[in-house]
C-alpha atoms as a PDB file:
ATOM      1  CA  MET A   1      22.057   1.087  -5.837  1.00  0.00           C
ATOM      2  CA  PHE A   2      19.459  -0.187  -3.303  1.00  0.00           C
ATOM      3  CA  GLY A   3      16.960   2.285  -4.747  1.00  0.00           C
ATOM      4  CA  VAL A   4      19.086   5.288  -3.734  1.00  0.00           C
ATOM      5  CA  LYS A   5      18.880   8.161  -6.198  1.00  0.00           C
ATOM      6  CA  LYS A   6      22.120   9.544  -7.571  1.00  0.00           C
ATOM      7  CA  GLY A   7      22.886  13.167  -6.881  1.00  0.00           C
ATOM      8  CA  ILE A   8      23.801  15.683  -9.559  1.00  0.00           C
ATOM      9  CA  ASP A   9      27.535  15.138  -9.045  1.00  0.00           C
ATOM     10  CA  LEU A  10      27.216  11.440 -10.002  1.00  0.00           C
ATOM     11  CA  LYS A  11      24.849  11.723 -12.981  1.00  0.00           C
ATOM     12  CA  GLY A  12      25.350  15.254 -14.284  1.00  0.00           C
ATOM     13  CA  GLY A  13      22.898  18.128 -14.396  1.00  0.00           C
ATOM     14  CA  THR A  14      22.177  21.369 -12.569  1.00  0.00           C
ATOM     15  CA  MET A  15      21.517  21.969  -8.882  1.00  0.00           C
ATOM     16  CA  ILE A  16      19.935  25.267  -7.824  1.00  0.00           C
ATOM     17  CA  VAL A  17      19.684  26.444  -4.226  1.00  0.00           C
ATOM     18  CA  LEU A  18      16.794  28.892  -3.782  1.00  0.00           C
ATOM     19  CA  LYS A  19      15.985  31.031  -0.765  1.00  0.00           C
ATOM     20  CA  THR A  20      12.198  31.002  -0.858  1.00  0.00           C
ATOM     21  CA  HIS A  21       9.153  30.491   1.334  1.00  0.00           C
ATOM     22  CA  ALA A  22       7.404  28.474  -1.382  1.00  0.00           C
ATOM     23  CA  PRO A  23       6.971  24.760  -0.555  1.00  0.00           C
ATOM     24  CA  PRO A  24       9.133  22.275  -2.520  1.00  0.00           C
ATOM     25  CA  ASP A  25       6.107  20.772  -4.308  1.00  0.00           C
ATOM     26  CA  GLU A  26       5.118  24.163  -5.722  1.00  0.00           C
ATOM     27  CA  VAL A  27       8.719  24.911  -6.730  1.00  0.00           C
ATOM     28  CA  LYS A  28       8.883  21.536  -8.487  1.00  0.00           C
ATOM     29  CA  ARG A  29       5.647  22.183 -10.389  1.00  0.00           C
ATOM     30  CA  ILE A  30       6.758  25.624 -11.585  1.00  0.00           C
ATOM     31  CA  ALA A  31      10.278  24.405 -12.408  1.00  0.00           C
ATOM     32  CA  SER A  32       8.904  21.550 -14.544  1.00  0.00           C
ATOM     33  CA  LYS A  33       6.974  24.058 -16.665  1.00  0.00           C
ATOM     34  CA  ILE A  34       9.857  26.528 -17.034  1.00  0.00           C
ATOM     35  CA  PHE A  35      12.531  23.892 -17.730  1.00  0.00           C
ATOM     36  CA  GLY A  36      10.304  21.829 -20.022  1.00  0.00           C
ATOM     37  CA  THR A  37      10.898  18.508 -18.267  1.00  0.00           C
ATOM     38  CA  PRO A  38       9.005  16.491 -15.639  1.00  0.00           C
ATOM     39  CA  ASP A  39      12.287  15.094 -14.323  1.00  0.00           C
ATOM     40  CA  VAL A  40      12.743  17.739 -11.609  1.00  0.00           C
ATOM     41  CA  GLU A  41      13.461  17.138  -7.931  1.00  0.00           C
ATOM     42  CA  ALA A  42      12.877  19.726  -5.216  1.00  0.00           C
ATOM     43  CA  MET A  43      13.569  19.286  -1.518  1.00  0.00           C
ATOM     44  CA  LYS A  44      14.047  21.348   1.613  1.00  0.00           C
ATOM     45  CA  SER A  45      17.638  21.651   2.794  1.00  0.00           C
ATOM     46  CA  SER A  46      18.855  21.672   6.394  1.00  0.00           C
ATOM     47  CA  SER A  47      19.267  25.469   6.163  1.00  0.00           C
ATOM     48  CA  GLY A  48      15.652  25.995   5.046  1.00  0.00           C
ATOM     49  CA  ALA A  49      16.442  26.683   1.389  1.00  0.00           C
ATOM     50  CA  VAL A  50      14.870  24.703  -1.450  1.00  0.00           C
ATOM     51  CA  ILE A  51      17.229  22.588  -3.554  1.00  0.00           C
ATOM     52  CA  VAL A  52      16.166  22.001  -7.151  1.00  0.00           C
ATOM     53  CA  GLN A  53      17.904  19.318  -9.219  1.00  0.00           C
ATOM     54  CA  VAL A  54      17.488  18.904 -12.964  1.00  0.00           C
ATOM     55  CA  PRO A  55      19.447  16.316 -14.999  1.00  0.00           C
ATOM     56  CA  LYS A  56      20.387  18.756 -17.775  1.00  0.00           C
ATOM     57  CA  TYR A  57      22.275  21.999 -18.354  1.00  0.00           C
ATOM     58  CA  LEU A  58      20.238  25.155 -17.680  1.00  0.00           C
ATOM     59  CA  LYS A  59      20.857  28.677 -18.911  1.00  0.00           C
ATOM     60  CA  ALA A  60      21.064  31.502 -16.397  1.00  0.00           C
ATOM     61  CA  ASP A  61      17.903  33.229 -17.624  1.00  0.00           C
ATOM     62  CA  VAL A  62      15.619  30.248 -16.873  1.00  0.00           C
ATOM     63  CA  VAL A  63      17.211  29.820 -13.435  1.00  0.00           C
ATOM     64  CA  TYR A  64      16.461  33.415 -12.500  1.00  0.00           C
ATOM     65  CA  GLU A  65      12.995  33.139 -14.029  1.00  0.00           C
ATOM     66  CA  LEU A  66      12.291  30.287 -11.606  1.00  0.00           C
ATOM     67  CA  ALA A  67      13.512  32.375  -8.665  1.00  0.00           C
ATOM     68  CA  GLU A  68      11.257  35.235  -9.727  1.00  0.00           C
ATOM     69  CA  ARG A  69       8.215  32.976 -10.165  1.00  0.00           C
ATOM     70  CA  VAL A  70       8.552  31.435  -6.677  1.00  0.00           C
ATOM     71  CA  GLY A  71       9.289  34.764  -5.009  1.00  0.00           C
ATOM     72  CA  GLY A  72      12.814  33.949  -3.936  1.00  0.00           C
ATOM     73  CA  LYS A  73      16.427  34.466  -4.854  1.00  0.00           C
ATOM     74  CA  VAL A  74      19.182  32.236  -6.174  1.00  0.00           C
ATOM     75  CA  GLU A  75      21.786  31.357  -3.555  1.00  0.00           C
ATOM     76  CA  SER A  76      23.933  29.105  -5.725  1.00  0.00           C
ATOM     77  CA  VAL A  77      23.963  27.170  -8.987  1.00  0.00           C
ATOM     78  CA  GLN A  78      26.096  24.089  -9.584  1.00  0.00           C
ATOM     79  CA  THR A  79      26.412  22.416 -12.968  1.00  0.00           C
ATOM     80  CA  ILE A  80      28.073  19.039 -13.561  1.00  0.00           C
ATOM     81  CA  GLY A  81      28.477  17.729 -17.100  1.00  0.00           C
ATOM     82  CA  PRO A  82      27.220  14.185 -17.840  1.00  0.00           C
ATOM     83  CA  ALA A  83      30.727  13.004 -18.758  1.00  0.00           C
ATOM     84  CA  LEU A  84      32.175  14.276 -15.480  1.00  0.00           C
ATOM     85  CA  GLY A  85      29.270  12.719 -13.582  1.00  0.00           C
ATOM     86  CA  ARG A  86      30.013   9.356 -15.204  1.00  0.00           C
ATOM     87  CA  GLU A  87      33.672   9.656 -14.225  1.00  0.00           C
ATOM     88  CA  PHE A  88      32.721  10.387 -10.617  1.00  0.00           C
ATOM     89  CA  TRP A  89      30.361   7.390 -10.597  1.00  0.00           C
ATOM     90  CA  LYS A  90      33.081   5.174 -12.056  1.00  0.00           C
ATOM     91  CA  SER A  91      35.384   6.261  -9.229  1.00  0.00           C
ATOM     92  CA  VAL A  92      32.697   5.364  -6.674  1.00  0.00           C
ATOM     93  CA  GLU A  93      32.238   1.915  -8.244  1.00  0.00           C
ATOM     94  CA  GLU A  94      35.983   1.311  -8.029  1.00  0.00           C
ATOM     95  CA  ALA A  95      36.601   2.777  -4.567  1.00  0.00           C
ATOM     96  CA  LEU A  96      33.968   0.837  -2.596  1.00  0.00           C
ATOM     97  CA  PRO A  97      35.141  -2.688  -3.576  1.00  0.00           C
ATOM     98  CA  LEU A  98      38.759  -1.654  -2.978  1.00  0.00           C
ATOM     99  CA  ALA A  99      37.885  -0.359   0.501  1.00  0.00           C
ATOM    100  CA  LEU A 100      36.046  -3.572   1.369  1.00  0.00           C
ATOM    101  CA  ALA A 101      38.870  -5.703  -0.023  1.00  0.00           C
ATOM    102  CA  GLY A 102      41.426  -3.815   2.077  1.00  0.00           C
ATOM    103  CA  VAL A 103      39.348  -4.291   5.225  1.00  0.00           C
ATOM    104  CA  ALA A 104      38.885  -8.001   4.421  1.00  0.00           C
ATOM    105  CA  VAL A 105      42.641  -8.525   4.111  1.00  0.00           C
ATOM    106  CA  VAL A 106      43.266  -6.883   7.498  1.00  0.00           C
ATOM    107  CA  VAL A 107      40.452  -8.834   9.195  1.00  0.00           C
ATOM    108  CA  PHE A 108      41.637 -12.198   7.845  1.00  0.00           C
ATOM    109  CA  ALA A 109      45.227 -11.357   8.819  1.00  0.00           C
ATOM    110  CA  ILE A 110      44.183 -10.553  12.402  1.00  0.00           C
ATOM    111  CA  PHE A 111      41.881 -13.500  13.145  1.00  0.00           C
ATOM    112  CA  ARG A 112      43.036 -16.253  10.752  1.00  0.00           C
ATOM    113  CA  LYS A 113      39.677 -17.976  11.296  1.00  0.00           C
ATOM    114  CA  LYS A 114      37.461 -18.221   8.252  1.00  0.00           C
ATOM    115  CA  LEU A 115      34.066 -18.173  10.003  1.00  0.00           C
ATOM    116  CA  LEU A 116      35.008 -15.367  12.393  1.00  0.00           C
ATOM    117  CA  SER A 117      36.422 -13.212   9.593  1.00  0.00           C
ATOM    118  CA  LEU A 118      33.440 -13.858   7.333  1.00  0.00           C
ATOM    119  CA  THR A 119      31.083 -12.890  10.160  1.00  0.00           C
ATOM    120  CA  VAL A 120      32.854  -9.553  10.633  1.00  0.00           C
ATOM    121  CA  MET A 121      32.660  -8.840   6.900  1.00  0.00           C
ATOM    122  CA  ALA A 122      29.005  -9.938   6.765  1.00  0.00           C
ATOM    123  CA  ALA A 123      28.124  -7.548   9.599  1.00  0.00           C
ATOM    124  CA  LEU A 124      29.946  -4.764   7.747  1.00  0.00           C
ATOM    125  CA  GLY A 125      28.040  -5.562   4.557  1.00  0.00           C
ATOM    126  CA  LEU A 126      24.746  -5.458   6.465  1.00  0.00           C
ATOM    127  CA  ASP A 127      25.687  -2.050   7.900  1.00  0.00           C
ATOM    128  CA  LEU A 128      26.228  -0.662   4.400  1.00  0.00           C
ATOM    129  CA  ALA A 129      23.031  -2.256   3.063  1.00  0.00           C
ATOM    130  CA  ASP A 130      21.000  -0.878   5.983  1.00  0.00           C
ATOM    131  CA  ALA A 131      22.505   2.595   5.541  1.00  0.00           C
ATOM    132  CA  LEU A 132      21.668   2.576   1.820  1.00  0.00           C
ATOM    133  CA  GLY A 133      18.147   1.387   2.611  1.00  0.00           C
ATOM    134  CA  LEU A 134      17.647   4.233   5.083  1.00  0.00           C
ATOM    135  CA  MET A 135      19.055   6.685   2.522  1.00  0.00           C
ATOM    136  CA  SER A 136      16.469   5.469   0.010  1.00  0.00           C
ATOM    137  CA  TRP A 137      13.668   5.690   2.594  1.00  0.00           C
ATOM    138  CA  THR A 138      14.547   9.205   3.776  1.00  0.00           C
ATOM    139  CA  GLY A 139      15.466  10.587   0.350  1.00  0.00           C
ATOM    140  CA  VAL A 140      19.169  11.218   1.016  1.00  0.00           C
ATOM    141  CA  PRO A 141      20.824  11.028  -2.434  1.00  0.00           C
ATOM    142  CA  LEU A 142      24.020   9.179  -3.263  1.00  0.00           C
ATOM    143  CA  THR A 143      26.550  11.958  -3.830  1.00  0.00           C
ATOM    144  CA  LEU A 144      30.285  12.281  -3.348  1.00  0.00           C
ATOM    145  CA  ALA A 145      29.551  13.592   0.156  1.00  0.00           C
ATOM    146  CA  SER A 146      27.227  10.751   1.162  1.00  0.00           C
ATOM    147  CA  PHE A 147      29.668   8.250  -0.370  1.00  0.00           C
ATOM    148  CA  ALA A 148      32.326   9.654   1.960  1.00  0.00           C
ATOM    149  CA  GLY A 149      29.887   8.885   4.786  1.00  0.00           C
ATOM    150  CA  LEU A 150      29.623   5.281   3.561  1.00  0.00           C
ATOM    151  CA  LEU A 151      33.410   4.958   3.625  1.00  0.00           C
ATOM    152  CA  MET A 152      33.411   6.320   7.181  1.00  0.00           C
ATOM    153  CA  ILE A 153      30.863   3.645   8.138  1.00  0.00           C
ATOM    154  CA  ILE A 154      33.297   0.967   6.973  1.00  0.00           C
ATOM    155  CA  GLY A 155      35.881   2.254   9.449  1.00  0.00           C
ATOM    156  CA  TYR A 156      33.482   2.762  12.357  1.00  0.00           C
ATOM    157  CA  ALA A 157      31.609  -0.522  11.869  1.00  0.00           C
ATOM    158  CA  VAL A 158      34.659  -2.725  11.574  1.00  0.00           C
ATOM    159  CA  ASP A 159      36.017  -1.231  14.822  1.00  0.00           C
ATOM    160  CA  SER A 160      33.124  -2.512  16.939  1.00  0.00           C
ATOM    161  CA  ASN A 161      33.087  -5.899  15.215  1.00  0.00           C
ATOM    162  CA  ILE A 162      36.820  -6.377  15.727  1.00  0.00           C
ATOM    163  CA  LEU A 163      36.447  -5.299  19.362  1.00  0.00           C
ATOM    164  CA  LEU A 164      33.718  -7.897  19.927  1.00  0.00           C
ATOM    165  CA  SER A 165      35.592 -10.668  18.127  1.00  0.00           C
ATOM    166  CA  MET A 166      38.922  -9.868  19.738  1.00  0.00           C
ATOM    167  CA  TYR A 167      37.748  -9.858  23.346  1.00  0.00           C
ATOM    168  CA  THR A 168      35.365 -12.811  23.087  1.00  0.00           C
ATOM    169  CA  VAL A 169      37.531 -15.171  21.044  1.00  0.00           C
ATOM    170  CA  LYS A 170      41.209 -14.200  20.901  1.00  0.00           C
ATOM    171  CA  ARG A 171      41.722 -12.503  24.269  1.00  0.00           C
ATOM    172  CA  ARG A 172      38.820 -13.692  26.388  1.00  0.00           C
ATOM    173  CA  ARG A 173      39.594 -13.142  30.076  1.00  0.00           C
ATOM    174  CA  VAL A 174      36.493 -14.873  31.508  1.00  0.00           C
ATOM    175  CA  LYS A 175      35.197 -18.378  30.819  1.00  0.00           C
ATOM    176  CA  ASP A 176      31.552 -17.454  30.405  1.00  0.00           C
ATOM    177  CA  ILE A 177      30.958 -16.219  26.847  1.00  0.00           C
ATOM    178  CA  ASP A 178      27.831 -14.263  27.853  1.00  0.00           C
ATOM    179  CA  GLU A 179      29.838 -12.319  30.436  1.00  0.00           C
ATOM    180  CA  ALA A 180      32.570 -11.637  27.885  1.00  0.00           C
ATOM    181  CA  ILE A 181      30.020 -10.304  25.383  1.00  0.00           C
ATOM    182  CA  ALA A 182      28.343  -8.162  28.065  1.00  0.00           C
ATOM    183  CA  ASP A 183      31.673  -6.617  29.114  1.00  0.00           C
ATOM    184  CA  THR A 184      32.591  -5.858  25.511  1.00  0.00           C
ATOM    185  CA  PHE A 185      29.099  -4.471  24.850  1.00  0.00           C
ATOM    186  CA  LYS A 186      29.646  -1.667  27.379  1.00  0.00           C
ATOM    187  CA  THR A 187      32.813  -0.496  25.630  1.00  0.00           C
ATOM    188  CA  GLY A 188      31.409  -0.922  22.124  1.00  0.00           C
ATOM    189  CA  VAL A 189      28.164   0.919  22.762  1.00  0.00           C
ATOM    190  CA  THR A 190      30.065   3.756  24.453  1.00  0.00           C
ATOM    191  CA  MET A 191      32.199   4.109  21.308  1.00  0.00           C
ATOM    192  CA  VAL A 192      29.133   4.144  19.064  1.00  0.00           C
ATOM    193  CA  ALA A 193      27.221   6.539  21.352  1.00  0.00           C
ATOM    194  CA  THR A 194      29.981   9.158  21.365  1.00  0.00           C
ATOM    195  CA  THR A 195      30.379   9.033  17.580  1.00  0.00           C
ATOM    196  CA  THR A 196      26.605   9.128  17.067  1.00  0.00           C
ATOM    197  CA  ALA A 197      26.304  12.148  19.370  1.00  0.00           C
ATOM    198  CA  ALA A 198      28.923  14.023  17.331  1.00  0.00           C
ATOM    199  CA  ALA A 199      27.250  13.038  14.046  1.00  0.00           C
ATOM    200  CA  CYS A 200      23.812  14.076  15.355  1.00  0.00           C
ATOM    201  CA  ALA A 201      25.195  17.465  16.377  1.00  0.00           C
ATOM    202  CA  LEU A 202      26.581  17.904  12.861  1.00  0.00           C
ATOM    203  CA  PHE A 203      23.248  16.689  11.432  1.00  0.00           C
ATOM    204  CA  LEU A 204      21.243  19.252  13.412  1.00  0.00           C
ATOM    205  CA  MET A 205      23.589  22.244  13.181  1.00  0.00           C
ATOM    206  CA  SER A 206      25.053  21.898   9.699  1.00  0.00           C
ATOM    207  CA  MET A 207      24.291  24.665   7.212  1.00  0.00           C
ATOM    208  CA  SER A 208      26.079  22.781   4.423  1.00  0.00           C
ATOM    209  CA  GLU A 209      24.204  20.186   2.392  1.00  0.00           C
ATOM    210  CA  ALA A 210      27.364  18.089   2.007  1.00  0.00           C
ATOM    211  CA  MET A 211      27.960  17.958   5.766  1.00  0.00           C
ATOM    212  CA  PHE A 212      24.267  17.184   6.299  1.00  0.00           C
ATOM    213  CA  GLU A 213      24.516  14.207   3.936  1.00  0.00           C
ATOM    214  CA  ILE A 214      27.697  12.891   5.577  1.00  0.00           C
ATOM    215  CA  ALA A 215      26.184  13.165   9.061  1.00  0.00           C
ATOM    216  CA  SER A 216      22.936  11.499   7.942  1.00  0.00           C
ATOM    217  CA  VAL A 217      24.722   8.516   6.425  1.00  0.00           C
ATOM    218  CA  VAL A 218      27.025   8.085   9.432  1.00  0.00           C
ATOM    219  CA  VAL A 219      24.044   8.124  11.829  1.00  0.00           C
ATOM    220  CA  PHE A 220      22.218   5.554   9.663  1.00  0.00           C
ATOM    221  CA  GLY A 221      25.256   3.280   9.612  1.00  0.00           C
ATOM    222  CA  LEU A 222      25.929   3.514  13.338  1.00  0.00           C
ATOM    223  CA  ILE A 223      22.309   2.706  14.204  1.00  0.00           C
ATOM    224  CA  ALA A 224      22.478  -0.359  11.953  1.00  0.00           C
ATOM    225  CA  ASP A 225      25.856  -1.344  13.401  1.00  0.00           C
ATOM    226  CA  VAL A 226      24.455  -1.704  16.924  1.00  0.00           C
ATOM    227  CA  LEU A 227      22.042  -4.398  15.714  1.00  0.00           C
ATOM    228  CA  ASN A 228      24.386  -6.111  13.282  1.00  0.00           C
ATOM    229  CA  THR A 229      27.301  -6.279  15.725  1.00  0.00           C
ATOM    230  CA  TRP A 230      25.596  -6.994  19.029  1.00  0.00           C
ATOM    231  CA  VAL A 231      22.798  -9.224  17.726  1.00  0.00           C
ATOM    232  CA  PHE A 232      24.013 -10.901  14.527  1.00  0.00           C
ATOM    233  CA  ASN A 233      27.777 -11.035  15.133  1.00  0.00           C
ATOM    234  CA  ALA A 234      27.454 -11.793  18.859  1.00  0.00           C
ATOM    235  CA  TRP A 235      25.039 -14.658  18.116  1.00  0.00           C
ATOM    236  CA  VAL A 236      27.394 -16.191  15.537  1.00  0.00           C
ATOM    237  CA  ILE A 237      30.372 -15.929  17.898  1.00  0.00           C
ATOM    238  CA  LYS A 238      28.439 -17.468  20.797  1.00  0.00           C
ATOM    239  CA  ASN A 239      26.754 -20.309  18.898  1.00  0.00           C
ATOM    240  CA  LYS A 240      29.060 -21.085  15.995  1.00  0.00           C
ATOM    241  CA  VAL A 241      32.620 -19.926  16.722  1.00  0.00           C
ATOM    242  CA  VAL A 242      33.149 -20.528  20.458  1.00  0.00           C
ATOM    243  CA  ARG A 243      31.284 -23.856  20.516  1.00  0.00           C
ATOM    244  CA  ARG A 244      33.097 -25.370  17.552  1.00  0.00           C
END
């Protein structure tokens, strides 16, 4: 999906969290030799530990051999079977379209204007695409935790788009559309700024990899939402909806 790598919980395999001073590249090289596969990923976590992911089941002795070779200790080991990983991925594939369909029904029911509703949904789709692109660029994997962040983006993003559409089209109090957009912009950006500040605090302070992934995805989506709502959606409303 958009070049985003699946995490262990969506494809199956073993995830090892190591407390070590060895750099991830060295851990990856040693792990590939011990585990007998080049398909090994190693990355630094927000807590400073090294996370090693291997798409197969590993016995305890090889896990502890890796810890010994890199001069560290095992903090945790998580194993997900391939069948369970496929079931989780199937749930993700079903949940995202259902969430978008539910939002689309609500948006069309509120506005009852095809172009306006389609613009809101297009902006939401761009938010998700941008967030996935940033996940791919920064190496944040698609896991159950980061998928929860994507679902949160749907809620946050549609809020600002509905706010803009509502107060520039349905309940506009001033005749000048530019003034209406500017007034709504102040409220919308304040909403995004407060949520982004909370997500950034979680991003910086989190000691849990799951919380780190959720915060990362939410920050990515909110950054994208500012552009997609206040540039794309505002332009469509000003030039296509209001002037029709």
